[in-house]
Amino acid sequence: MAVIDFEFRNSIIQKDLGNTLAYCYQCGTCSGACPVAQVTNGRYNPRKLILNSLLGLKDNLLLGTENNFNIWGCTVCDTCDEMCPQNVELTEIFTLLKNMSVKKGEAPDYYTTQAKFILEHGKAIPLAPAIERRRDQMGLPKAPKVDKKEVRALLKETGLEKIIGPIEEEKKEGEK
């Protein structure tokens, strides 16, 4: 039997910045248009996520590390937002669900690993020598250097470090 979690439902509704969730009438356009739903044969289903969020059926969202594809399958391509006849901002709701997952420590490993890399190096993908060579061959300017301190300051303000833990450099400094 499904149990409505009113606190969860209210937190989603209150954080729905565009107040669009209530307009969803479950037509299924989002799931039909979603490229992830198409390639996963419906394993990822935006319509179900929205319905369960709207109704406060937190247990049906299957939050937790073993089932996190249910909410982490969204690539934020915004196709569902563009196709929705009611202009529901679905990806905003999915981001709220992902943020809840992160705060509970249930984000997928690839997410926290990438976040730590960005915190340590200032960007998601390191600039490899091959990329530099290609930039030179194409006559492109050198890639700008990243100000790691600035990126770290921004990310620390978001509270990311509290969730993923200290970066390697800070761990080493703390051990001294």
C-alpha atoms as a PDB file:
ATOM      1  CA  MET A   1       0.000   0.000   0.000  1.00  0.00           C
ATOM      2  CA  ALA A   2       1.303   3.439  -0.935  1.00  0.00           C
ATOM      3  CA  VAL A   3       1.926   5.880   1.890  1.00  0.00           C
ATOM      4  CA  ILE A   4       1.719   9.595   1.252  1.00  0.00           C
ATOM      5  CA  ASP A   5       4.585  11.537   2.775  1.00  0.00           C
ATOM      6  CA  PHE A   6       3.013  14.974   3.151  1.00  0.00           C
ATOM      7  CA  GLU A   7       6.249  16.550   4.359  1.00  0.00           C
ATOM      8  CA  PHE A   8       8.032  15.316   1.217  1.00  0.00           C
ATOM      9  CA  ARG A   9       5.154  16.413  -1.025  1.00  0.00           C
ATOM     10  CA  ASN A  10       5.020  19.872   0.543  1.00  0.00           C
ATOM     11  CA  SER A  11       8.798  20.314   0.280  1.00  0.00           C
ATOM     12  CA  ILE A  12       8.661  19.535  -3.455  1.00  0.00           C
ATOM     13  CA  ILE A  13       5.704  21.862  -4.010  1.00  0.00           C
ATOM     14  CA  GLN A  14       7.324  24.685  -2.002  1.00  0.00           C
ATOM     15  CA  LYS A  15      10.613  24.364  -3.893  1.00  0.00           C
ATOM     16  CA  ASP A  16       8.882  24.248  -7.306  1.00  0.00           C
ATOM     17  CA  LEU A  17      10.067  27.719  -8.293  1.00  0.00           C
ATOM     18  CA  GLY A  18       7.776  28.068 -11.282  1.00  0.00           C
ATOM     19  CA  ASN A  19       4.808  26.555  -9.427  1.00  0.00           C
ATOM     20  CA  THR A  20       4.176  24.383 -12.480  1.00  0.00           C
ATOM     21  CA  LEU A  21       3.988  20.915 -10.935  1.00  0.00           C
ATOM     22  CA  ALA A  22       0.305  21.256 -10.061  1.00  0.00           C
ATOM     23  CA  TYR A  23      -0.531  21.713 -13.751  1.00  0.00           C
ATOM     24  CA  CYS A  24       0.651  18.235 -14.735  1.00  0.00           C
ATOM     25  CA  TYR A  25      -2.301  16.140 -15.875  1.00  0.00           C
ATOM     26  CA  GLN A  26      -0.255  13.019 -16.596  1.00  0.00           C
ATOM     27  CA  CYS A  27      -0.625  13.016 -20.385  1.00  0.00           C
ATOM     28  CA  GLY A  28       2.674  11.128 -20.792  1.00  0.00           C
ATOM     29  CA  THR A  29       4.170  13.489 -23.374  1.00  0.00           C
ATOM     30  CA  CYS A  30       7.308  13.809 -21.240  1.00  0.00           C
ATOM     31  CA  SER A  31       7.940  10.063 -21.201  1.00  0.00           C
ATOM     32  CA  GLY A  32       7.187   9.727 -24.904  1.00  0.00           C
ATOM     33  CA  ALA A  33       9.656  12.493 -25.767  1.00  0.00           C
ATOM     34  CA  CYS A  34      12.396  11.581 -23.275  1.00  0.00           C
ATOM     35  CA  PRO A  35      15.444  10.128 -25.064  1.00  0.00           C
ATOM     36  CA  VAL A  36      16.552   8.314 -21.897  1.00  0.00           C
ATOM     37  CA  ALA A  37      13.127   6.666 -21.486  1.00  0.00           C
ATOM     38  CA  GLN A  38      13.303   5.575 -25.129  1.00  0.00           C
ATOM     39  CA  VAL A  39      16.724   3.915 -24.870  1.00  0.00           C
ATOM     40  CA  THR A  40      15.958   2.278 -21.513  1.00  0.00           C
ATOM     41  CA  ASN A  41      12.634   0.818 -22.651  1.00  0.00           C
ATOM     42  CA  GLY A  42      10.804   2.855 -20.023  1.00  0.00           C
ATOM     43  CA  ARG A  43      13.078   1.940 -17.112  1.00  0.00           C
ATOM     44  CA  TYR A  44      13.531   5.684 -16.656  1.00  0.00           C
ATOM     45  CA  ASN A  45      10.098   7.297 -16.646  1.00  0.00           C
ATOM     46  CA  PRO A  46       9.681  11.060 -16.137  1.00  0.00           C
ATOM     47  CA  ARG A  47       5.893  10.776 -15.900  1.00  0.00           C
ATOM     48  CA  LYS A  48       6.128   8.418 -12.920  1.00  0.00           C
ATOM     49  CA  LEU A  49       8.623  10.697 -11.185  1.00  0.00           C
ATOM     50  CA  ILE A  50       6.304  13.669 -11.557  1.00  0.00           C
ATOM     51  CA  LEU A  51       3.241  11.693 -10.435  1.00  0.00           C
ATOM     52  CA  ASN A  52       4.986  10.311  -7.363  1.00  0.00           C
ATOM     53  CA  SER A  53       6.354  13.760  -6.490  1.00  0.00           C
ATOM     54  CA  LEU A  54       2.971  15.400  -6.960  1.00  0.00           C
ATOM     55  CA  LEU A  55       1.221  12.822  -4.805  1.00  0.00           C
ATOM     56  CA  GLY A  56       3.949  12.657  -2.154  1.00  0.00           C
ATOM     57  CA  LEU A  57       4.664   8.989  -2.802  1.00  0.00           C
ATOM     58  CA  LYS A  58       8.288   9.185  -1.724  1.00  0.00           C
ATOM     59  CA  ASP A  59       8.644   5.404  -1.356  1.00  0.00           C
ATOM     60  CA  ASN A  60       7.598   4.932  -5.000  1.00  0.00           C
ATOM     61  CA  LEU A  61      10.459   7.162  -6.136  1.00  0.00           C
ATOM     62  CA  LEU A  62      12.793   4.508  -4.805  1.00  0.00           C
ATOM     63  CA  LEU A  63      15.246   6.993  -3.445  1.00  0.00           C
ATOM     64  CA  GLY A  64      18.328   5.149  -2.352  1.00  0.00           C
ATOM     65  CA  THR A  65      21.643   4.071  -3.760  1.00  0.00           C
ATOM     66  CA  GLU A  66      20.389   0.764  -5.170  1.00  0.00           C
ATOM     67  CA  ASN A  67      17.693   2.412  -7.300  1.00  0.00           C
ATOM     68  CA  ASN A  68      19.115   5.849  -7.962  1.00  0.00           C
ATOM     69  CA  PHE A  69      18.702   5.539 -11.747  1.00  0.00           C
ATOM     70  CA  ASN A  70      15.034   6.318 -11.157  1.00  0.00           C
ATOM     71  CA  ILE A  71      15.938   9.929 -10.478  1.00  0.00           C
ATOM     72  CA  TRP A  72      19.487  10.159 -11.828  1.00  0.00           C
ATOM     73  CA  GLY A  73      18.538   8.946 -15.308  1.00  0.00           C
ATOM     74  CA  CYS A  74      17.601  12.488 -16.315  1.00  0.00           C
ATOM     75  CA  THR A  75      20.327  14.137 -18.389  1.00  0.00           C
ATOM     76  CA  VAL A  76      18.645  17.564 -18.154  1.00  0.00           C
ATOM     77  CA  CYS A  77      18.317  17.787 -21.931  1.00  0.00           C
ATOM     78  CA  ASP A  78      15.050  19.713 -21.346  1.00  0.00           C
ATOM     79  CA  THR A  79      13.176  17.798 -24.060  1.00  0.00           C
ATOM     80  CA  CYS A  80      10.377  17.042 -21.604  1.00  0.00           C
ATOM     81  CA  ASP A  81      10.121  20.718 -20.623  1.00  0.00           C
ATOM     82  CA  GLU A  82       9.930  21.764 -24.258  1.00  0.00           C
ATOM     83  CA  MET A  83       7.289  19.173 -25.146  1.00  0.00           C
ATOM     84  CA  CYS A  84       5.040  19.516 -22.082  1.00  0.00           C
ATOM     85  CA  PRO A  85       1.668  20.973 -23.140  1.00  0.00           C
ATOM     86  CA  GLN A  86       1.221  22.457 -19.648  1.00  0.00           C
ATOM     87  CA  ASN A  87       4.738  23.950 -19.483  1.00  0.00           C
ATOM     88  CA  VAL A  88       5.587  21.964 -16.363  1.00  0.00           C
ATOM     89  CA  GLU A  89       9.249  22.479 -15.518  1.00  0.00           C
ATOM     90  CA  LEU A  90      10.038  18.804 -15.110  1.00  0.00           C
ATOM     91  CA  THR A  91      13.820  19.084 -15.059  1.00  0.00           C
ATOM     92  CA  GLU A  92      13.511  21.530 -12.152  1.00  0.00           C
ATOM     93  CA  ILE A  93      11.620  18.860 -10.183  1.00  0.00           C
ATOM     94  CA  PHE A  94      14.181  16.217 -11.154  1.00  0.00           C
ATOM     95  CA  THR A  95      16.964  18.507  -9.949  1.00  0.00           C
ATOM     96  CA  LEU A  96      15.162  18.900  -6.615  1.00  0.00           C
ATOM     97  CA  LEU A  97      14.967  15.104  -6.308  1.00  0.00           C
ATOM     98  CA  LYS A  98      18.652  14.759  -7.175  1.00  0.00           C
ATOM     99  CA  ASN A  99      19.559  17.376  -4.589  1.00  0.00           C
ATOM    100  CA  MET A 100      17.569  15.444  -1.969  1.00  0.00           C
ATOM    101  CA  SER A 101      19.454  12.310  -2.971  1.00  0.00           C
ATOM    102  CA  VAL A 102      22.798  14.096  -2.615  1.00  0.00           C
ATOM    103  CA  LYS A 103      21.898  15.484   0.820  1.00  0.00           C
ATOM    104  CA  LYS A 104      20.996  11.980   1.981  1.00  0.00           C
ATOM    105  CA  GLY A 105      24.391  10.728   0.763  1.00  0.00           C
ATOM    106  CA  GLU A 106      22.753   8.598  -1.917  1.00  0.00           C
ATOM    107  CA  ALA A 107      24.188  10.197  -5.042  1.00  0.00           C
ATOM    108  CA  PRO A 108      25.792   7.804  -7.505  1.00  0.00           C
ATOM    109  CA  ASP A 109      29.549   7.350  -7.150  1.00  0.00           C
ATOM    110  CA  TYR A 110      30.185   8.886 -10.573  1.00  0.00           C
ATOM    111  CA  TYR A 111      28.502  12.084  -9.401  1.00  0.00           C
ATOM    112  CA  THR A 112      30.505  12.512  -6.213  1.00  0.00           C
ATOM    113  CA  THR A 113      33.736  11.474  -7.962  1.00  0.00           C
ATOM    114  CA  GLN A 114      33.152  14.124 -10.643  1.00  0.00           C
ATOM    115  CA  ALA A 115      32.246  16.710  -8.007  1.00  0.00           C
ATOM    116  CA  LYS A 116      35.470  16.000  -6.090  1.00  0.00           C
ATOM    117  CA  PHE A 117      37.479  16.313  -9.294  1.00  0.00           C
ATOM    118  CA  ILE A 118      35.917  19.709 -10.032  1.00  0.00           C
ATOM    119  CA  LEU A 119      36.574  20.839  -6.458  1.00  0.00           C
ATOM    120  CA  GLU A 120      40.225  19.736  -6.698  1.00  0.00           C
ATOM    121  CA  HIS A 121      41.045  20.852 -10.255  1.00  0.00           C
ATOM    122  CA  GLY A 122      38.535  23.582 -11.046  1.00  0.00           C
ATOM    123  CA  LYS A 123      37.000  21.794 -14.020  1.00  0.00           C
ATOM    124  CA  ALA A 124      35.313  18.531 -14.906  1.00  0.00           C
ATOM    125  CA  ILE A 125      37.724  17.319 -17.573  1.00  0.00           C
ATOM    126  CA  PRO A 126      41.465  17.867 -17.438  1.00  0.00           C
ATOM    127  CA  LEU A 127      43.089  19.520 -20.414  1.00  0.00           C
ATOM    128  CA  ALA A 128      45.065  16.708 -22.049  1.00  0.00           C
ATOM    129  CA  PRO A 129      48.117  17.322 -24.240  1.00  0.00           C
ATOM    130  CA  ALA A 130      46.190  15.928 -27.225  1.00  0.00           C
ATOM    131  CA  ILE A 131      43.555  18.631 -26.809  1.00  0.00           C
ATOM    132  CA  GLU A 132      46.225  21.319 -26.657  1.00  0.00           C
ATOM    133  CA  ARG A 133      47.804  19.951 -29.878  1.00  0.00           C
ATOM    134  CA  ARG A 134      44.430  19.977 -31.648  1.00  0.00           C
ATOM    135  CA  ARG A 135      43.770  23.528 -30.509  1.00  0.00           C
ATOM    136  CA  ASP A 136      47.162  24.568 -31.942  1.00  0.00           C
ATOM    137  CA  GLN A 137      46.456  22.724 -35.221  1.00  0.00           C
ATOM    138  CA  MET A 138      43.111  24.485 -35.547  1.00  0.00           C
ATOM    139  CA  GLY A 139      44.626  27.870 -34.808  1.00  0.00           C
ATOM    140  CA  LEU A 140      42.683  28.248 -31.571  1.00  0.00           C
ATOM    141  CA  PRO A 141      44.126  30.200 -28.657  1.00  0.00           C
ATOM    142  CA  LYS A 142      45.470  28.389 -25.640  1.00  0.00           C
ATOM    143  CA  ALA A 143      42.732  27.270 -23.274  1.00  0.00           C
ATOM    144  CA  PRO A 144      42.383  29.713 -20.397  1.00  0.00           C
ATOM    145  CA  LYS A 145      43.783  28.627 -17.064  1.00  0.00           C
ATOM    146  CA  VAL A 146      41.239  27.869 -14.388  1.00  0.00           C
ATOM    147  CA  ASP A 147      41.405  29.745 -11.121  1.00  0.00           C
ATOM    148  CA  LYS A 148      41.031  26.760  -8.783  1.00  0.00           C
ATOM    149  CA  LYS A 149      40.726  28.980  -5.730  1.00  0.00           C
ATOM    150  CA  GLU A 150      37.786  30.823  -7.261  1.00  0.00           C
ATOM    151  CA  VAL A 151      36.007  27.590  -8.228  1.00  0.00           C
ATOM    152  CA  ARG A 152      36.625  26.123  -4.773  1.00  0.00           C
ATOM    153  CA  ALA A 153      35.275  29.241  -3.096  1.00  0.00           C
ATOM    154  CA  LEU A 154      32.099  29.062  -5.173  1.00  0.00           C
ATOM    155  CA  LEU A 155      31.594  25.368  -4.524  1.00  0.00           C
ATOM    156  CA  LYS A 156      32.288  25.717  -0.813  1.00  0.00           C
ATOM    157  CA  GLU A 157      29.568  28.371  -0.642  1.00  0.00           C
ATOM    158  CA  THR A 158      27.092  25.827  -2.039  1.00  0.00           C
ATOM    159  CA  GLY A 159      27.931  23.387   0.765  1.00  0.00           C
ATOM    160  CA  LEU A 160      29.266  20.790  -1.669  1.00  0.00           C
ATOM    161  CA  GLU A 161      32.338  20.082   0.424  1.00  0.00           C
ATOM    162  CA  LYS A 162      30.169  19.146   3.412  1.00  0.00           C
ATOM    163  CA  ILE A 163      28.462  16.519   1.270  1.00  0.00           C
ATOM    164  CA  ILE A 164      31.402  14.998  -0.607  1.00  0.00           C
ATOM    165  CA  GLY A 165      34.119  15.539   1.985  1.00  0.00           C
ATOM    166  CA  PRO A 166      37.373  17.493   1.897  1.00  0.00           C
ATOM    167  CA  ILE A 167      39.522  17.513  -1.212  1.00  0.00           C
ATOM    168  CA  GLU A 168      42.831  15.614  -1.288  1.00  0.00           C
ATOM    169  CA  GLU A 169      45.020  18.693  -0.781  1.00  0.00           C
ATOM    170  CA  GLU A 170      43.086  19.685   2.336  1.00  0.00           C
ATOM    171  CA  LYS A 171      43.262  16.132   3.718  1.00  0.00           C
ATOM    172  CA  LYS A 172      47.066  16.202   3.349  1.00  0.00           C
ATOM    173  CA  GLU A 173      47.277  19.627   5.005  1.00  0.00           C
ATOM    174  CA  GLY A 174      45.101  18.392   7.882  1.00  0.00           C
ATOM    175  CA  GLU A 175      47.414  15.419   8.476  1.00  0.00           C
ATOM    176  CA  LYS A 176      50.489  17.665   8.923  1.00  0.00           C
END
